[in-house]
Protein backbone atom coordinates (compact mmCIF):
# COMPACT_ATOMS: atom_id res chain seq x y z
CA MET A 1 75.81 17.78 14.39
CA LEU A 2 73.73 14.61 14.91
CA ALA A 3 73.94 12.38 12.62
CA CYS A 4 72.03 8.58 12.15
CA SER A 5 73.68 5.80 11.24
CA SER A 6 70.62 3.67 10.66
CA PHE A 7 67.06 4.66 9.52
CA VAL A 8 65.55 1.74 11.45
CA LEU A 9 63.17 2.47 13.64
CA PRO A 10 63.88 -0.41 15.96
CA SER A 11 60.61 -0.25 18.27
CA ILE A 12 57.44 1.76 18.69
CA THR A 13 55.15 1.19 21.77
CA VAL A 14 51.42 1.93 21.77
CA VAL A 15 49.31 2.00 24.91
CA THR A 16 45.25 2.39 25.03
CA TRP A 17 43.61 3.22 28.28
CA ASN A 18 40.25 4.19 29.16
CA VAL A 19 40.87 5.98 32.62
CA GLY A 20 37.33 5.89 33.75
CA THR A 21 37.73 9.92 34.49
CA ALA A 22 39.89 8.57 37.92
CA MET A 23 42.81 10.87 39.10
CA PRO A 24 46.11 9.28 37.71
CA PRO A 25 48.40 6.55 39.57
CA ASN A 26 51.34 7.40 41.24
CA ASP A 27 53.35 5.15 39.02
CA VAL A 28 52.95 3.80 35.42
CA THR A 29 56.46 2.81 34.39
CA SER A 30 55.63 -1.02 34.14
CA LEU A 31 52.63 0.29 31.76
CA LEU A 32 55.17 1.80 29.62
CA HIS A 33 57.37 -1.00 29.79
CA LEU A 34 60.17 1.54 31.58
CA ASN A 35 61.58 -1.44 34.20
CA THR A 36 62.09 -4.55 32.00
CA GLY A 37 65.15 -3.01 29.73
CA GLU A 38 63.25 -2.39 26.77
CA THR A 39 63.33 0.87 26.60
CA ASN A 40 66.43 1.18 25.51
CA ASP A 41 65.14 -0.08 21.99
CA VAL A 42 61.90 1.80 22.19
CA ASP A 43 61.82 4.72 19.94
CA MET A 44 58.53 6.03 20.04
CA ILE A 45 55.50 5.84 22.36
CA ALA A 46 51.71 6.61 21.29
CA ILE A 47 49.62 6.94 24.49
CA GLY A 48 45.56 7.04 23.67
CA LEU A 49 43.14 7.82 26.54
CA GLN A 50 39.80 7.80 27.01
CA GLU A 51 37.30 9.06 29.47
CA VAL A 52 39.92 11.79 31.08
CA ASN A 53 37.81 13.86 33.54
CA SER A 54 36.40 16.31 31.25
CA LYS A 55 33.59 18.34 33.24
CA ILE A 56 33.44 21.96 32.97
CA ASN A 57 35.48 23.01 36.15
CA LYS A 58 38.26 20.14 34.79
CA ARG A 59 38.22 21.36 31.34
CA LEU A 60 38.95 25.09 32.53
CA LYS A 61 41.41 24.31 34.98
CA ASP A 62 43.19 22.02 31.78
CA ALA A 63 42.82 25.14 29.50
CA LEU A 64 45.25 27.06 31.48
CA PHE A 65 47.68 24.00 32.97
CA THR A 66 48.48 20.69 31.22
CA ASP A 67 45.61 17.93 32.36
CA GLN A 68 47.39 15.75 34.95
CA TRP A 69 47.53 12.85 32.32
CA SER A 70 49.79 14.26 30.29
CA GLU A 71 51.87 16.01 33.23
CA LEU A 72 52.25 12.57 34.32
CA PHE A 73 53.60 10.57 31.23
CA MET A 74 55.96 13.85 30.16
CA ASP A 75 57.74 13.73 33.89
CA VAL A 76 57.84 9.61 33.63
CA LEU A 77 59.22 9.72 30.06
CA SER A 78 61.41 12.72 29.77
CA PRO A 79 64.53 10.91 31.92
CA PHE A 80 64.29 8.16 29.41
CA HIS A 81 64.79 10.90 26.50
CA PHE A 82 61.31 10.99 25.27
CA ILE A 83 60.31 14.20 24.12
CA LEU A 84 56.19 14.95 23.68
CA VAL A 85 56.42 15.31 20.00
CA SER A 86 52.81 16.31 19.44
CA THR A 87 49.32 15.81 21.45
CA VAL A 88 45.73 16.22 20.71
CA ARG A 89 42.46 16.25 23.09
CA MET A 90 38.67 15.94 22.26
CA GLN A 91 37.03 16.48 25.69
CA GLY A 92 38.02 12.90 27.39
CA VAL A 93 39.93 11.42 24.36
CA ILE A 94 43.59 12.25 24.65
CA LEU A 95 46.25 11.27 22.07
CA LEU A 96 49.80 11.45 23.07
CA VAL A 97 53.07 10.91 20.69
CA PHE A 98 56.34 10.83 22.20
CA ALA A 99 60.05 9.99 20.55
CA LYS A 100 63.39 10.01 21.86
CA TYR A 101 64.70 13.74 21.06
CA TYR A 102 67.44 12.25 18.67
CA HIS A 103 64.76 11.58 16.15
CA LEU A 104 63.07 14.70 16.08
CA PRO A 105 64.87 15.97 13.22
CA PHE A 106 63.18 13.03 11.28
CA LEU A 107 59.79 13.14 12.34
CA GLN A 108 58.52 16.20 9.98
CA ASP A 109 54.33 17.17 8.48
CA ILE A 110 52.88 17.02 12.23
CA GLN A 111 49.26 17.38 12.08
CA THR A 112 46.40 16.31 14.05
CA ASP A 113 42.58 15.72 13.73
CA CYS A 114 40.03 15.05 15.75
CA THR A 115 36.03 13.92 15.05
CA ARG A 116 32.95 13.84 16.84
CA THR A 117 30.40 11.00 16.42
CA GLY A 118 28.24 11.50 20.30
CA LEU A 119 25.06 12.68 19.74
CA GLY A 120 24.83 12.77 16.22
CA GLY A 121 28.40 14.59 15.89
CA TYR A 122 28.11 17.62 17.95
CA TRP A 123 29.47 15.90 21.42
CA GLY A 124 33.32 14.56 21.40
CA ASN A 125 32.80 12.01 24.21
CA LYS A 126 33.08 9.39 21.63
CA GLY A 127 34.82 9.84 18.40
CA GLY A 128 38.37 10.06 17.09
CA VAL A 129 41.67 12.05 17.66
CA SER A 130 44.66 11.36 15.54
CA VAL A 131 48.19 12.26 15.05
CA ARG A 132 49.87 11.96 11.80
CA LEU A 133 53.67 12.53 10.95
CA SER A 134 56.39 11.85 8.34
CA ILE A 135 58.79 9.36 10.00
CA PHE A 136 62.20 8.87 8.18
CA GLY A 137 60.04 10.14 5.01
CA HIS A 138 57.16 7.46 5.83
CA MET A 139 53.32 8.56 6.55
CA VAL A 140 52.34 7.14 9.34
CA CYS A 141 48.97 8.19 11.24
CA PHE A 142 48.31 7.07 15.13
CA LEU A 143 44.54 7.19 15.47
CA ASN A 144 43.09 6.28 19.25
CA CYS A 145 38.90 6.15 18.70
CA HIS A 146 36.26 5.80 21.45
CA LEU A 147 33.42 4.01 19.98
CA PRO A 148 29.62 3.40 20.82
CA ALA A 149 29.29 1.32 23.82
CA HIS A 150 26.93 -2.13 24.53
CA LEU A 151 26.70 -5.16 22.81
CA GLU A 152 23.80 -4.16 20.55
CA LYS A 153 25.73 -1.22 18.74
CA ALA A 154 28.13 -3.09 16.57
CA GLU A 155 26.72 -1.68 13.23
CA GLN A 156 26.78 2.12 15.06
CA ARG A 157 30.89 1.34 15.95
CA LYS A 158 31.29 0.45 12.15
CA GLU A 159 29.49 3.60 11.15
CA ASP A 160 31.07 5.83 13.30
CA PHE A 161 34.48 4.56 12.23
CA ALA A 162 33.54 4.79 8.68
CA THR A 163 32.54 8.63 9.17
CA ILE A 164 35.73 9.42 11.18
CA LEU A 165 38.16 7.87 8.30
CA HIS A 166 35.79 10.09 5.96
CA MET A 167 36.17 13.16 7.90
CA GLN A 168 39.56 13.18 8.73
CA GLN A 169 41.73 14.81 6.32
CA PHE A 170 45.00 16.24 6.14
CA GLU A 171 46.97 19.04 4.40
CA GLY A 172 49.77 18.52 2.07
CA PRO A 173 50.55 17.04 -1.34
CA VAL A 174 50.34 13.47 -0.21
CA ALA A 175 48.51 11.16 2.38
CA ASN A 176 45.82 13.42 2.93
CA GLY A 177 43.26 10.72 4.38
CA ILE A 178 44.06 8.38 7.47
CA LEU A 179 44.38 4.92 5.27
CA ASP A 180 46.27 7.21 2.52
CA HIS A 181 49.34 6.79 5.14
CA ASP A 182 51.94 4.38 4.74
CA LEU A 183 51.13 2.86 8.24
CA VAL A 184 48.40 3.41 10.28
CA PHE A 185 48.02 2.45 14.37
CA TRP A 186 44.44 2.36 15.15
CA PHE A 187 43.85 1.63 19.03
CA GLY A 188 41.47 2.80 21.68
CA ASP A 189 38.28 1.71 23.69
CA LEU A 190 36.77 0.57 20.91
CA ASN A 191 33.99 -1.02 22.90
CA PHE A 192 33.51 -4.58 20.92
CA ARG A 193 31.85 -7.46 22.97
CA ILE A 194 31.46 -10.98 22.90
CA GLU A 195 28.14 -12.07 21.13
CA SER A 196 26.16 -15.35 22.00
CA LEU A 197 28.04 -16.61 25.21
CA ASP A 198 26.50 -16.31 28.35
CA ILE A 199 28.51 -14.60 31.27
CA CYS A 200 29.20 -17.75 32.74
CA PHE A 201 30.49 -19.30 30.45
CA VAL A 202 32.76 -16.15 29.63
CA LYS A 203 33.95 -16.27 32.84
CA TYR A 204 34.52 -19.91 33.09
CA ALA A 205 36.84 -19.81 29.95
CA ILE A 206 38.70 -16.46 31.44
CA ASP A 207 39.46 -18.44 34.55
CA SER A 208 40.00 -21.92 32.90
CA ASN A 209 42.83 -20.12 30.66
CA VAL A 210 41.12 -20.90 27.85
CA LEU A 211 40.67 -17.72 25.94
CA SER A 212 40.51 -19.11 22.37
CA GLN A 213 37.05 -20.29 22.96
CA LEU A 214 35.52 -16.47 22.95
CA TRP A 215 37.84 -15.24 20.24
CA GLU A 216 34.85 -16.72 17.19
CA LYS A 217 32.50 -14.64 19.25
CA ASP A 218 34.50 -11.40 19.68
CA GLN A 219 32.61 -8.81 17.62
CA LEU A 220 35.72 -7.27 16.12
CA ASN A 221 37.11 -10.63 15.08
CA ILE A 222 33.85 -10.89 12.84
CA ALA A 223 33.92 -7.72 11.62
CA LYS A 224 37.75 -8.00 10.44
CA SER A 225 36.37 -10.74 8.36
CA THR A 226 32.88 -8.88 7.12
CA TRP A 227 33.42 -5.24 7.02
CA PRO A 228 35.11 -4.11 3.87
CA VAL A 229 36.65 -0.54 6.22
CA LEU A 230 38.63 -3.18 8.14
CA ARG A 231 40.31 -4.91 5.45
CA GLY A 232 43.61 -5.08 5.95
CA PHE A 233 43.71 -4.39 9.95
CA GLN A 234 46.27 -6.62 11.30
CA GLU A 235 45.80 -7.50 15.53
CA GLY A 236 48.01 -9.82 17.40
CA PRO A 237 46.52 -12.85 19.59
CA LEU A 238 44.21 -11.93 22.31
CA ASN A 239 46.35 -14.04 24.98
CA PHE A 240 45.44 -11.75 27.85
CA PRO A 241 41.96 -11.83 30.08
CA PRO A 242 39.04 -9.31 28.27
CA THR A 243 40.05 -5.67 29.71
CA PHE A 244 36.18 -4.49 31.09
CA LYS A 245 34.27 -4.41 33.11
CA PHE A 246 36.19 -4.46 36.58
CA ASP A 247 35.20 -3.20 39.86
CA VAL A 248 37.02 -0.16 40.51
CA GLY A 249 40.13 -1.12 43.05
CA THR A 250 40.35 -4.53 42.22
CA ASN A 251 41.20 -7.29 39.62
CA LYS A 252 37.39 -8.43 40.08
CA TYR A 253 34.78 -8.65 37.08
CA ASP A 254 31.50 -6.50 37.15
CA SER A 255 29.67 -7.76 40.79
CA SER A 256 27.16 -4.91 40.48
CA ALA A 257 23.39 -5.29 39.68
CA LYS A 258 23.94 -5.08 35.89
CA LYS A 259 26.92 -7.61 36.08
CA ARG A 260 28.23 -6.69 32.41
CA LYS A 261 29.58 -9.70 30.70
CA PRO A 262 33.81 -9.21 30.20
CA ALA A 263 34.94 -8.24 27.19
CA TRP A 264 38.06 -6.94 24.82
CA THR A 265 36.97 -3.26 24.43
CA ASP A 266 40.27 -1.98 24.59
CA ARG A 267 42.57 -3.15 21.19
CA ILE A 268 45.14 -1.93 19.10
CA LEU A 269 45.62 -2.67 15.61
CA TRP A 270 47.81 -1.57 12.66
CA LYS A 271 47.44 -1.52 8.95
CA ILE A 272 50.20 -1.13 6.37
CA LYS A 273 49.66 0.52 3.01
CA PRO A 274 49.56 -1.54 0.04
CA PRO A 275 52.45 -1.22 -2.24
CA SER A 276 51.32 0.48 -5.41
CA LYS A 277 52.44 0.49 -8.88
CA GLY A 278 54.12 4.16 -10.21
CA LEU A 279 55.27 6.58 -7.90
CA GLY A 280 54.32 6.84 -3.83
CA THR A 281 54.77 9.02 -0.94
CA GLY A 282 57.25 11.71 -1.72
CA GLY A 283 57.71 10.72 -5.05
CA HIS A 284 59.19 7.39 -3.80
CA ARG A 285 58.53 3.98 -5.90
CA PRO A 286 57.17 1.43 -3.50
CA SER A 287 58.24 -2.02 -3.47
CA GLN A 288 57.52 -5.29 -1.40
CA GLY A 289 60.05 -4.84 1.82
CA VAL A 290 59.85 -0.99 1.94
CA LEU A 291 57.95 -1.79 5.32
CA SER A 292 57.48 -4.18 7.58
CA VAL A 293 55.65 -4.22 11.30
CA SER A 294 56.15 -7.27 13.61
CA GLN A 295 54.37 -7.19 17.35
CA LEU A 296 56.70 -8.01 19.77
CA CYS A 297 54.08 -7.83 22.74
CA TYR A 298 50.46 -7.29 23.14
CA CYS A 299 49.30 -7.88 27.03
CA SER A 300 47.19 -5.97 29.59
CA HIS A 301 47.73 -4.61 32.64
CA MET A 302 45.99 -5.86 35.23
CA GLU A 303 48.02 -4.23 38.47
CA TYR A 304 46.41 -1.03 37.34
CA THR A 305 42.82 -0.52 39.24
CA VAL A 306 42.09 2.85 39.02
CA SER A 307 39.65 2.80 36.49
CA ASP A 308 36.88 -0.36 35.63
CA HIS A 309 39.21 -0.94 32.32
CA LYS A 310 42.86 -2.37 32.04
CA PRO A 311 45.14 -0.74 29.82
CA VAL A 312 46.68 -2.25 27.07
CA ALA A 313 49.96 -2.07 25.69
CA ALA A 314 51.64 -3.15 22.29
CA ILE A 315 55.11 -2.86 21.20
CA PHE A 316 56.20 -3.01 17.58
CA ALA A 317 59.21 -3.67 15.57
CA VAL A 318 58.91 -1.81 12.59
CA GLN A 319 61.57 -1.60 9.59
CA PHE A 320 61.57 1.75 7.70
CA ALA A 321 63.54 1.95 4.14
CA SER A 322 66.39 4.35 4.36
CA LYS A 323 64.75 7.57 2.54
CA VAL A 324 66.04 10.37 4.93
CA ASP A 325 69.61 10.35 5.87
CA LYS A 326 70.27 13.73 7.25
CA PRO A 327 68.00 16.70 8.55
CA LEU A 328 66.89 19.61 7.70
CA VAL A 329 69.03 21.72 9.84
CA GLU A 330 72.58 20.70 11.02
CA ILE A 331 73.78 22.57 14.06
CA TYR A 332 77.48 23.00 15.22
CA VAL A 333 78.32 24.02 18.60
CA ALA A 334 81.44 23.48 21.09
CA ASP A 335 81.85 20.47 22.97
CA GLU A 336 81.80 22.88 25.94
CA TRP A 337 80.73 26.40 27.00
CA SER A 338 83.07 27.98 29.58
CA ARG A 339 83.24 31.25 28.57
CA PRO A 340 80.61 33.44 26.85
CA GLU A 341 82.31 33.85 23.65
CA GLN A 342 82.20 29.72 22.97
CA ALA A 343 77.94 30.30 23.12
CA VAL A 344 78.25 30.55 19.24
CA VAL A 345 75.94 28.64 16.81
CA ARG A 346 76.56 27.67 13.44
CA TYR A 347 73.96 25.92 11.21
CA LYS A 348 73.23 24.95 7.96
CA MET A 349 70.04 24.08 6.11
CA ALA A 350 68.84 21.98 3.26
CA VAL A 351 68.10 23.34 -0.21
CA GLY A 352 64.58 23.46 0.01
CA PHE A 353 64.31 23.87 3.53
CA HIS A 354 61.22 26.40 4.26
CA ARG A 355 62.71 28.55 6.33
CA SER A 356 60.80 31.26 8.57
CA SER A 357 61.39 34.88 10.20
CA TRP A 358 59.93 33.12 13.15
CA ASP A 359 62.41 29.93 13.17
CA TRP A 360 64.33 29.81 16.49
CA ILE A 361 67.49 27.72 18.38
CA GLY A 362 66.34 26.48 21.86
CA LEU A 363 69.03 25.48 24.14
CA TYR A 364 67.45 22.67 26.36
CA ARG A 365 68.70 21.02 29.25
CA VAL A 366 68.89 16.98 28.66
CA GLY A 367 65.70 15.60 29.94
CA PHE A 368 63.27 18.09 28.74
CA ARG A 369 59.62 17.53 28.03
CA HIS A 370 58.71 18.99 25.02
CA PRO A 371 59.97 21.80 22.17
CA LYS A 372 58.85 24.19 23.86
CA ASP A 373 60.48 23.37 27.39
CA TYR A 374 63.95 25.42 26.55
CA VAL A 375 66.26 27.08 29.20
CA SER A 376 66.40 29.79 26.56
CA TYR A 377 66.39 30.70 22.65
CA VAL A 378 67.87 33.19 20.02
CA TRP A 379 66.19 33.82 16.60
CA ALA A 380 67.26 32.04 13.96
CA ARG A 381 68.82 35.37 12.28
CA SER A 382 72.29 35.80 11.48
CA ASP A 383 74.07 39.35 12.34
CA ASP A 384 76.95 37.95 10.18
CA GLY A 385 75.11 37.52 6.98
CA GLU A 386 74.73 34.08 5.46
CA ARG A 387 76.74 31.80 2.65
CA CYS A 388 76.28 28.81 0.67
CA LEU A 389 78.53 26.07 1.47
CA GLU A 390 78.01 22.68 -0.44
CA LYS A 391 74.84 24.09 -1.79
CA GLN A 392 73.23 24.83 1.34
CA LEU A 393 72.51 28.15 3.50
CA CYS A 394 74.94 28.55 6.18
CA ALA A 395 74.42 30.85 9.09
CA GLN A 396 75.67 32.03 12.65
CA VAL A 397 74.14 33.26 15.90
CA MET A 398 75.02 33.71 19.57
CA PHE A 399 73.58 33.34 22.38
CA SER A 400 74.10 36.31 24.78
CA GLU A 401 75.57 36.03 28.32
CA GLU A 402 72.05 36.68 29.98
CA ALA A 403 70.54 33.81 28.21
CA LEU A 404 73.28 31.23 29.41
CA PRO A 405 72.23 28.60 31.61
CA LYS A 406 72.41 29.25 35.26
CA GLY A 407 73.52 25.93 36.61
CA ASN A 408 76.03 23.14 34.98
CA GLY A 409 74.83 20.58 33.01
CA GLU A 410 74.22 18.75 29.75
CA TYR A 411 72.39 20.59 26.92
CA ILE A 412 71.09 20.24 23.76
CA LEU A 413 70.35 22.66 20.85
CA GLY A 414 67.37 22.46 18.67
CA TYR A 415 66.42 24.49 15.61
CA TYR A 416 62.92 24.82 15.95
CA SER A 417 60.65 25.46 12.47
CA ASN A 418 57.91 27.79 12.84
CA THR A 419 56.71 26.52 9.43
CA SER A 420 56.69 22.43 10.22
CA SER A 421 55.96 23.23 14.19
CA SER A 422 58.72 20.84 14.41
CA ILE A 423 62.35 20.57 15.47
CA ALA A 424 64.26 20.27 12.49
CA GLY A 425 67.66 20.11 13.96
CA VAL A 426 69.25 19.03 17.34
CA THR A 427 72.98 18.56 18.71
CA GLU A 428 75.02 15.94 20.52
CA PRO A 429 74.74 16.84 24.20
CA PHE A 430 77.19 19.02 25.30
CA GLN A 431 78.71 20.84 28.50
CA SER A 432 77.58 23.99 30.33
CA LEU A 433 79.82 25.18 32.30
CA PHE A 434 80.37 29.25 32.06
CA SER A 435 77.82 29.82 35.19
CA GLU A 436 80.20 28.24 37.68
CA ARG A 437 83.11 30.35 36.41
CA ARG A 438 80.79 33.30 36.34
CA THR A 439 79.84 33.14 39.79
CA ARG A 440 83.52 32.42 40.77
CA LYS A 441 84.55 35.43 38.94
CA ALA A 442 81.80 37.99 40.73
CA THR A 443 83.07 36.52 44.32
CA LEU A 444 86.47 37.39 43.51
CA TRP A 445 85.86 40.98 42.91
CA TYR A 446 83.54 40.96 45.55
CA LEU A 447 86.32 40.01 47.89
CA LEU A 448 88.77 42.82 46.92
CA PRO A 449 89.60 45.42 49.18
CA SER A 450 87.16 48.51 48.83
CA PHE A 451 90.07 50.93 48.06
CA TRP A 452 90.79 49.31 44.98
CA PHE A 453 87.62 50.67 43.73
CA THR A 454 87.78 54.48 45.20
CA ALA A 455 88.77 57.34 42.63
């Protein structure tokens, strides 16, 4: 069984990047802050992409295989024990949410939604995609948007954002709308521009590092104080240069005939739901200080030049109240599997857990990428019957010898709930040595004299 000593999620990283239909770069470690030592304290990563190649032939290929961008992030993050919790795609707009594997049992009620706003709602080149989930009992929503372009489309951006908030609805007794969640992260290519100032002054302010002179003319900063729909949304200071528009392959702002004015189009904001009177999410009575968010980092990454946009990353320290202290399913397994009879899995389910006959227990190699990335699995149906212990339903299953891994290494077990489409319980890593001993035994029999097998 995996115990959680604290119900505080130390850090969440959010990334947004308009990739401009480009192929992925070879390395994204600096974008994800994987080479800074900060990763050990990061528990979740949400990545919002816009303008992923969505041509018909590319989409047909992606329908059969995971898109190259998602594959890249899974490959890079899995050695750091990040698992893809959920993903949603709407044409070129993609959202991926990762978490450390030992947090998976505390991430429940995972749902996704998408809203098209391009061509009057018929085309998904613009709009928003979201992943919502319960994290330690708190409802959190990640919303990745690609809003209309051009300086004069500020009002259209407001209307499209309001449409996305109105259209996206989730199932369940709590947090049906985006703004009903305890915490919302809103990010993407929001396409807000810098008003009034001419391109010469904007470039002068950038070159002279006096970015504050541009802030009051930023359309999103203006909108925060004038649009009711943005009330309560917070953002860190824009202490990095505007992230659009660059000549591809360079750090040079647009040198084409259009010479588009630099702008902070790529943004990350958050909103905490105000405490309310009476009972809140899950029957919990909210109070001041239940949830707090502080931004540790807000920066662009100039080293990436595959697109005309620079990616933006933010790291947040999030303090959750201690609401959930045990996983829905607790799994017990031996510290080492060296004989087939040791591949026994005992587990008990919490009262009220909605089990399904399609639930299963997966055997994962440490470093797996997503919940379906198992070595083998066994249906979570007990052959020995079930019994109640301490008001919890207990059961036992066993992996067959054929289902055991073919190589030595570290593994974990995860109980996959079909009802919630998520992992409801995981174990600590354990050693599997069985395959090596089985091979040695088979070799020994092969070397015995042939007359031993003669009648």
